[in-house]
Structure formats: C-alpha cells, structure tokens
Amino acid sequence: MRVPYEALRQRVTIRNYLGEGSYGPAFDAPRENVRASVQQTQALVTDWKNEQVVVTTLIIVRPEIGLVPAGSYVFTDEQTFRVAKSFAIPDNFHPSHYEMMVRSWGAEEIPEFES
C-alpha cells in the first residue's frame, strides 16, 4: 500500500545529486511541484560525506518519485534542505514511500545551478 496523496500536503522542488564532476558537484534538472510531507524531527545520522550531522526535518514522497540520493537539495517555499540520508519504507522491493532525513542549508552554501 502506498502513502496516500492526501497525506502529502506540501509541494517541494528536488535537485538530485549526481556526484562530483570535473567542475565540482553535479546536479540533475529540478523536479518541481513534487507532493511531499515535511515533518519536524531530530536525529543524529551519517550523511553522504560520512560525517555525523543532526537532522531536523523528515520529508516523505511517493514511491514513483524514486530514491532521492544523499547530497541532493530539496527546496520548499520557506527553506532549503540538503538530504543527509534517504531510504525506502518498508524496503527497496515494494516501497510504500521514500523518507529523506534532511538538514537546513544556508543560502550562502547553495551552489549556483546552471539553467
């Protein structure tokens, strides 16, 4: 059973992290207007750089969005987040949804994306 659309009341924009390129980090084209649930939480996790960070927000998306890689950006109307950890619930074979543990990201740290 998939998470119902009614439970996903917010809209976000996602820029998937593709890895490091010859000119620095590379990101996929933005996926805009993605339905999501943005919830407050607090947890200590290991991020994509193998560093322990405190995450303050959990973002849930439907399975057809796919797994959002750690290091990706998620933008809401009010805030910018960086994905520290992402995983399928209950498993990768038949996910009902994907959860992203994210932390706030300062505007001065956001790279300029090419259009």
N, C-alpha and C. Protein backbone atom coordinates (compact mmCIF):
# COMPACT_ATOMS: atom_id res chain seq x y z
N MET A 1 0.83 -1.18 0.00
CA MET A 1 0.00 0.00 0.00
C MET A 1 0.88 1.25 0.00
N ARG A 2 0.56 2.18 -0.87
CA ARG A 2 1.34 3.41 -0.96
C ARG A 2 0.78 4.50 -0.06
N VAL A 3 1.66 5.42 0.31
CA VAL A 3 1.22 6.55 1.12
C VAL A 3 0.19 7.33 0.30
N PRO A 4 -0.96 7.69 0.88
CA PRO A 4 -2.00 8.38 0.10
C PRO A 4 -1.61 9.82 -0.23
N TYR A 5 -2.11 10.30 -1.38
CA TYR A 5 -1.83 11.68 -1.79
C TYR A 5 -2.31 12.69 -0.75
N GLU A 6 -3.41 12.36 -0.06
CA GLU A 6 -3.97 13.28 0.92
C GLU A 6 -3.01 13.56 2.07
N ALA A 7 -2.10 12.63 2.33
CA ALA A 7 -1.13 12.81 3.42
C ALA A 7 0.05 13.70 3.00
N LEU A 8 0.18 13.96 1.71
CA LEU A 8 1.30 14.75 1.19
C LEU A 8 0.79 16.15 0.84
N ARG A 9 0.79 17.04 1.82
CA ARG A 9 0.14 18.34 1.69
C ARG A 9 1.05 19.46 1.21
N GLN A 10 2.35 19.27 1.24
CA GLN A 10 3.27 20.31 0.81
C GLN A 10 3.77 20.01 -0.61
N ARG A 11 4.36 21.03 -1.22
CA ARG A 11 4.99 20.89 -2.53
C ARG A 11 6.46 21.29 -2.39
N VAL A 12 7.34 20.48 -3.00
CA VAL A 12 8.78 20.74 -2.93
C VAL A 12 9.39 20.65 -4.32
N THR A 13 10.59 21.18 -4.44
CA THR A 13 11.41 21.03 -5.64
C THR A 13 12.63 20.23 -5.25
N ILE A 14 12.99 19.25 -6.07
CA ILE A 14 14.12 18.36 -5.77
C ILE A 14 15.17 18.48 -6.87
N ARG A 15 16.44 18.64 -6.46
CA ARG A 15 17.59 18.59 -7.38
C ARG A 15 18.45 17.42 -6.95
N ASN A 16 18.39 16.31 -7.70
CA ASN A 16 19.16 15.12 -7.34
C ASN A 16 20.66 15.36 -7.48
N TYR A 17 21.40 14.91 -6.50
CA TYR A 17 22.86 14.96 -6.51
C TYR A 17 23.37 13.83 -7.39
N LEU A 18 24.20 14.16 -8.38
CA LEU A 18 24.73 13.15 -9.31
C LEU A 18 26.15 12.73 -8.98
N GLY A 19 26.81 13.45 -8.08
CA GLY A 19 28.19 13.14 -7.74
C GLY A 19 29.10 14.30 -8.06
N GLU A 20 30.37 14.07 -7.90
CA GLU A 20 31.36 15.11 -8.17
C GLU A 20 31.79 15.04 -9.63
N GLY A 21 31.77 16.19 -10.28
CA GLY A 21 32.22 16.29 -11.66
C GLY A 21 33.54 17.03 -11.73
N SER A 22 34.01 17.30 -12.92
CA SER A 22 35.29 17.99 -13.07
C SER A 22 35.22 19.44 -12.61
N TYR A 23 34.01 20.01 -12.52
CA TYR A 23 33.84 21.39 -12.07
C TYR A 23 33.16 21.47 -10.71
N GLY A 24 33.16 20.38 -9.97
CA GLY A 24 32.53 20.37 -8.65
C GLY A 24 31.31 19.48 -8.65
N PRO A 25 30.42 19.67 -7.66
CA PRO A 25 29.25 18.81 -7.57
C PRO A 25 28.32 18.99 -8.77
N ALA A 26 27.72 17.87 -9.19
CA ALA A 26 26.80 17.89 -10.34
C ALA A 26 25.40 17.53 -9.85
N PHE A 27 24.40 18.22 -10.40
CA PHE A 27 23.01 18.01 -10.00
C PHE A 27 22.14 17.84 -11.23
N ASP A 28 21.10 17.03 -11.08
CA ASP A 28 20.14 16.79 -12.15
C ASP A 28 19.22 18.01 -12.29
N ALA A 29 18.44 18.03 -13.36
CA ALA A 29 17.45 19.09 -13.56
C ALA A 29 16.44 19.07 -12.42
N PRO A 30 15.89 20.22 -12.07
CA PRO A 30 14.94 20.26 -10.95
C PRO A 30 13.64 19.54 -11.26
N ARG A 31 13.12 18.85 -10.26
CA ARG A 31 11.78 18.27 -10.34
C ARG A 31 10.91 19.14 -9.46
N GLU A 32 10.05 19.89 -10.07
CA GLU A 32 9.25 20.89 -9.35
C GLU A 32 7.86 20.36 -9.00
N ASN A 33 7.28 20.97 -7.99
CA ASN A 33 5.90 20.69 -7.61
C ASN A 33 5.68 19.24 -7.19
N VAL A 34 6.65 18.66 -6.51
CA VAL A 34 6.56 17.28 -6.03
C VAL A 34 5.77 17.28 -4.72
N ARG A 35 4.74 16.46 -4.65
CA ARG A 35 3.96 16.35 -3.42
C ARG A 35 4.79 15.66 -2.35
N ALA A 36 4.74 16.22 -1.12
CA ALA A 36 5.56 15.69 -0.03
C ALA A 36 4.91 16.01 1.30
N SER A 37 5.38 15.32 2.32
CA SER A 37 5.04 15.64 3.69
C SER A 37 6.34 16.07 4.36
N VAL A 38 6.34 17.28 4.91
CA VAL A 38 7.52 17.83 5.57
C VAL A 38 7.23 17.87 7.06
N GLN A 39 8.01 17.10 7.84
CA GLN A 39 7.74 16.95 9.26
C GLN A 39 8.98 17.28 10.08
N GLN A 40 8.77 17.85 11.24
CA GLN A 40 9.87 18.14 12.15
C GLN A 40 10.29 16.85 12.86
N THR A 41 11.59 16.68 13.03
CA THR A 41 12.15 15.54 13.74
C THR A 41 13.50 15.95 14.29
N GLN A 42 14.16 15.08 14.97
CA GLN A 42 15.53 15.33 15.39
C GLN A 42 16.24 14.00 15.52
N ALA A 43 17.33 13.86 14.77
CA ALA A 43 18.08 12.61 14.80
C ALA A 43 19.53 12.88 14.42
N LEU A 44 20.39 12.02 14.87
CA LEU A 44 21.81 12.06 14.52
C LEU A 44 22.04 10.98 13.47
N VAL A 45 22.49 11.39 12.27
CA VAL A 45 22.71 10.43 11.18
C VAL A 45 24.07 10.68 10.54
N THR A 46 24.52 9.70 9.77
CA THR A 46 25.75 9.84 9.00
C THR A 46 25.35 10.26 7.59
N ASP A 47 25.90 11.38 7.09
CA ASP A 47 25.50 11.90 5.79
C ASP A 47 26.35 11.34 4.65
N TRP A 48 26.17 11.89 3.45
CA TRP A 48 26.86 11.40 2.25
C TRP A 48 28.37 11.63 2.29
N LYS A 49 28.84 12.52 3.17
CA LYS A 49 30.28 12.75 3.32
C LYS A 49 30.87 11.94 4.46
N ASN A 50 30.06 11.00 4.99
CA ASN A 50 30.45 10.15 6.10
C ASN A 50 30.71 10.94 7.38
N GLU A 51 29.96 12.04 7.55
CA GLU A 51 30.05 12.86 8.75
C GLU A 51 28.74 12.73 9.53
N GLN A 52 28.83 12.77 10.85
CA GLN A 52 27.62 12.73 11.65
C GLN A 52 27.03 14.13 11.74
N VAL A 53 25.73 14.24 11.41
CA VAL A 53 25.04 15.52 11.44
C VAL A 53 23.70 15.34 12.14
N VAL A 54 23.18 16.43 12.66
CA VAL A 54 21.86 16.43 13.27
C VAL A 54 20.86 16.87 12.20
N VAL A 55 19.88 16.04 11.94
CA VAL A 55 18.82 16.40 11.00
C VAL A 55 17.61 16.87 11.80
N THR A 56 16.90 17.82 11.25
CA THR A 56 15.76 18.41 11.96
C THR A 56 14.45 18.23 11.21
N THR A 57 14.52 17.64 10.02
CA THR A 57 13.32 17.52 9.20
C THR A 57 13.31 16.18 8.49
N LEU A 58 12.10 15.61 8.36
CA LEU A 58 11.87 14.38 7.63
C LEU A 58 10.92 14.71 6.48
N ILE A 59 11.28 14.33 5.27
CA ILE A 59 10.44 14.57 4.10
C ILE A 59 10.05 13.23 3.51
N ILE A 60 8.75 13.06 3.27
CA ILE A 60 8.21 11.82 2.72
C ILE A 60 7.66 12.10 1.33
N VAL A 61 8.00 11.23 0.35
CA VAL A 61 7.48 11.34 -1.01
C VAL A 61 6.97 9.97 -1.46
N ARG A 62 6.14 9.96 -2.47
CA ARG A 62 5.58 8.71 -3.00
C ARG A 62 6.66 7.91 -3.73
N PRO A 63 6.46 6.60 -3.89
CA PRO A 63 7.48 5.75 -4.49
C PRO A 63 7.78 6.05 -5.96
N GLU A 64 6.82 6.60 -6.70
CA GLU A 64 7.11 6.90 -8.11
C GLU A 64 8.11 8.04 -8.28
N ILE A 65 8.37 8.80 -7.23
CA ILE A 65 9.40 9.84 -7.26
C ILE A 65 10.78 9.19 -7.31
N GLY A 66 10.90 8.04 -6.71
CA GLY A 66 12.18 7.33 -6.68
C GLY A 66 13.03 7.78 -5.51
N LEU A 67 14.08 7.02 -5.29
CA LEU A 67 15.00 7.33 -4.20
C LEU A 67 15.76 8.62 -4.53
N VAL A 68 15.75 9.55 -3.62
CA VAL A 68 16.48 10.81 -3.78
C VAL A 68 17.83 10.61 -3.12
N PRO A 69 18.93 10.69 -3.89
CA PRO A 69 20.25 10.39 -3.32
C PRO A 69 20.66 11.37 -2.22
N ALA A 70 21.42 10.88 -1.27
CA ALA A 70 22.01 11.75 -0.25
C ALA A 70 22.88 12.78 -0.95
N GLY A 71 22.84 14.01 -0.45
CA GLY A 71 23.57 15.11 -1.07
C GLY A 71 22.69 15.97 -1.96
N SER A 72 21.48 15.50 -2.26
CA SER A 72 20.54 16.25 -3.09
C SER A 72 19.99 17.45 -2.32
N TYR A 73 19.46 18.41 -3.07
CA TYR A 73 18.80 19.57 -2.47
C TYR A 73 17.29 19.39 -2.56
N VAL A 74 16.60 19.85 -1.52
CA VAL A 74 15.14 19.90 -1.52
C VAL A 74 14.77 21.33 -1.11
N PHE A 75 13.95 21.97 -1.94
CA PHE A 75 13.54 23.35 -1.70
C PHE A 75 12.05 23.39 -1.38
N THR A 76 11.70 24.09 -0.30
CA THR A 76 10.31 24.39 0.00
C THR A 76 10.14 25.89 -0.20
N ASP A 77 8.95 26.39 0.03
CA ASP A 77 8.74 27.84 -0.10
C ASP A 77 9.55 28.62 0.92
N GLU A 78 9.75 28.02 2.09
CA GLU A 78 10.41 28.73 3.18
C GLU A 78 11.88 28.37 3.37
N GLN A 79 12.30 27.19 2.97
CA GLN A 79 13.61 26.71 3.36
C GLN A 79 14.27 25.87 2.28
N THR A 80 15.60 25.76 2.42
CA THR A 80 16.39 24.88 1.57
C THR A 80 17.00 23.81 2.45
N PHE A 81 16.93 22.56 1.98
CA PHE A 81 17.46 21.43 2.73
C PHE A 81 18.45 20.66 1.89
N ARG A 82 19.34 19.94 2.56
CA ARG A 82 20.26 19.00 1.91
C ARG A 82 19.97 17.63 2.49
N VAL A 83 19.82 16.64 1.64
CA VAL A 83 19.48 15.29 2.06
C VAL A 83 20.71 14.64 2.69
N ALA A 84 20.59 14.24 3.95
CA ALA A 84 21.68 13.56 4.65
C ALA A 84 21.56 12.05 4.45
N LYS A 85 20.33 11.54 4.45
CA LYS A 85 20.10 10.11 4.32
C LYS A 85 18.73 9.91 3.70
N SER A 86 18.63 8.90 2.84
CA SER A 86 17.38 8.61 2.15
C SER A 86 17.18 7.11 2.09
N PHE A 87 15.95 6.65 2.28
CA PHE A 87 15.71 5.21 2.27
C PHE A 87 14.25 4.90 1.96
N ALA A 88 14.03 3.67 1.50
CA ALA A 88 12.68 3.19 1.16
C ALA A 88 12.04 2.57 2.38
N ILE A 89 10.73 2.77 2.50
CA ILE A 89 9.96 2.16 3.59
C ILE A 89 8.89 1.28 2.96
N PRO A 90 8.69 0.03 3.28
CA PRO A 90 9.44 -0.76 4.24
C PRO A 90 10.74 -1.33 3.68
N ASP A 91 10.84 -1.46 2.34
CA ASP A 91 12.08 -1.97 1.75
C ASP A 91 12.19 -1.49 0.31
N ASN A 92 13.32 -1.82 -0.34
CA ASN A 92 13.56 -1.37 -1.72
C ASN A 92 12.74 -2.13 -2.76
N PHE A 93 12.20 -3.27 -2.40
CA PHE A 93 11.48 -4.10 -3.37
C PHE A 93 10.05 -3.63 -3.61
N HIS A 94 9.36 -3.22 -2.55
CA HIS A 94 7.96 -2.77 -2.66
C HIS A 94 7.74 -1.58 -1.73
N PRO A 95 8.36 -0.43 -2.04
CA PRO A 95 8.24 0.70 -1.12
C PRO A 95 6.83 1.30 -1.13
N SER A 96 6.37 1.70 0.04
CA SER A 96 5.12 2.45 0.13
C SER A 96 5.42 3.94 0.00
N HIS A 97 6.66 4.31 0.36
CA HIS A 97 7.12 5.70 0.23
C HIS A 97 8.63 5.75 0.48
N TYR A 98 9.20 6.91 0.19
CA TYR A 98 10.61 7.16 0.49
C TYR A 98 10.69 8.25 1.56
N GLU A 99 11.62 8.07 2.48
CA GLU A 99 11.86 9.06 3.52
C GLU A 99 13.24 9.66 3.33
N MET A 100 13.31 10.98 3.47
CA MET A 100 14.58 11.70 3.39
C MET A 100 14.81 12.42 4.70
N MET A 101 15.92 12.14 5.33
CA MET A 101 16.32 12.86 6.53
C MET A 101 17.19 14.02 6.05
N VAL A 102 16.73 15.24 6.30
CA VAL A 102 17.38 16.42 5.73
C VAL A 102 17.77 17.40 6.82
N ARG A 103 18.70 18.27 6.47
CA ARG A 103 19.07 19.35 7.38
C ARG A 103 19.01 20.67 6.63
N SER A 104 18.76 21.74 7.36
CA SER A 104 18.68 23.07 6.76
C SER A 104 20.02 23.43 6.15
N TRP A 105 19.95 24.15 5.05
CA TRP A 105 21.16 24.54 4.34
C TRP A 105 21.12 26.04 4.14
N GLY A 106 22.19 26.72 4.52
CA GLY A 106 22.25 28.18 4.41
C GLY A 106 22.34 28.64 2.96
N ALA A 107 21.76 29.79 2.67
CA ALA A 107 21.74 30.33 1.30
C ALA A 107 23.15 30.54 0.75
N GLU A 108 24.09 30.89 1.62
CA GLU A 108 25.46 31.14 1.15
C GLU A 108 26.17 29.86 0.73
N GLU A 109 25.63 28.69 1.10
CA GLU A 109 26.27 27.41 0.78
C GLU A 109 25.68 26.75 -0.46
N ILE A 110 24.61 27.29 -1.02
CA ILE A 110 23.94 26.69 -2.17
C ILE A 110 24.70 27.04 -3.44
N PRO A 111 25.10 26.07 -4.23
CA PRO A 111 25.81 26.38 -5.46
C PRO A 111 24.89 27.05 -6.48
N GLU A 112 25.47 27.77 -7.40
CA GLU A 112 24.68 28.35 -8.49
C GLU A 112 24.47 27.27 -9.52
N PHE A 113 23.21 26.95 -9.77
CA PHE A 113 22.88 25.90 -10.72
C PHE A 113 22.85 26.48 -12.11
N GLU A 114 23.33 25.68 -13.07
CA GLU A 114 23.24 26.09 -14.47
C GLU A 114 21.82 25.85 -14.94
N SER A 115 21.33 26.73 -15.76
CA SER A 115 19.95 26.59 -16.27
C SER A 115 19.89 25.63 -17.43
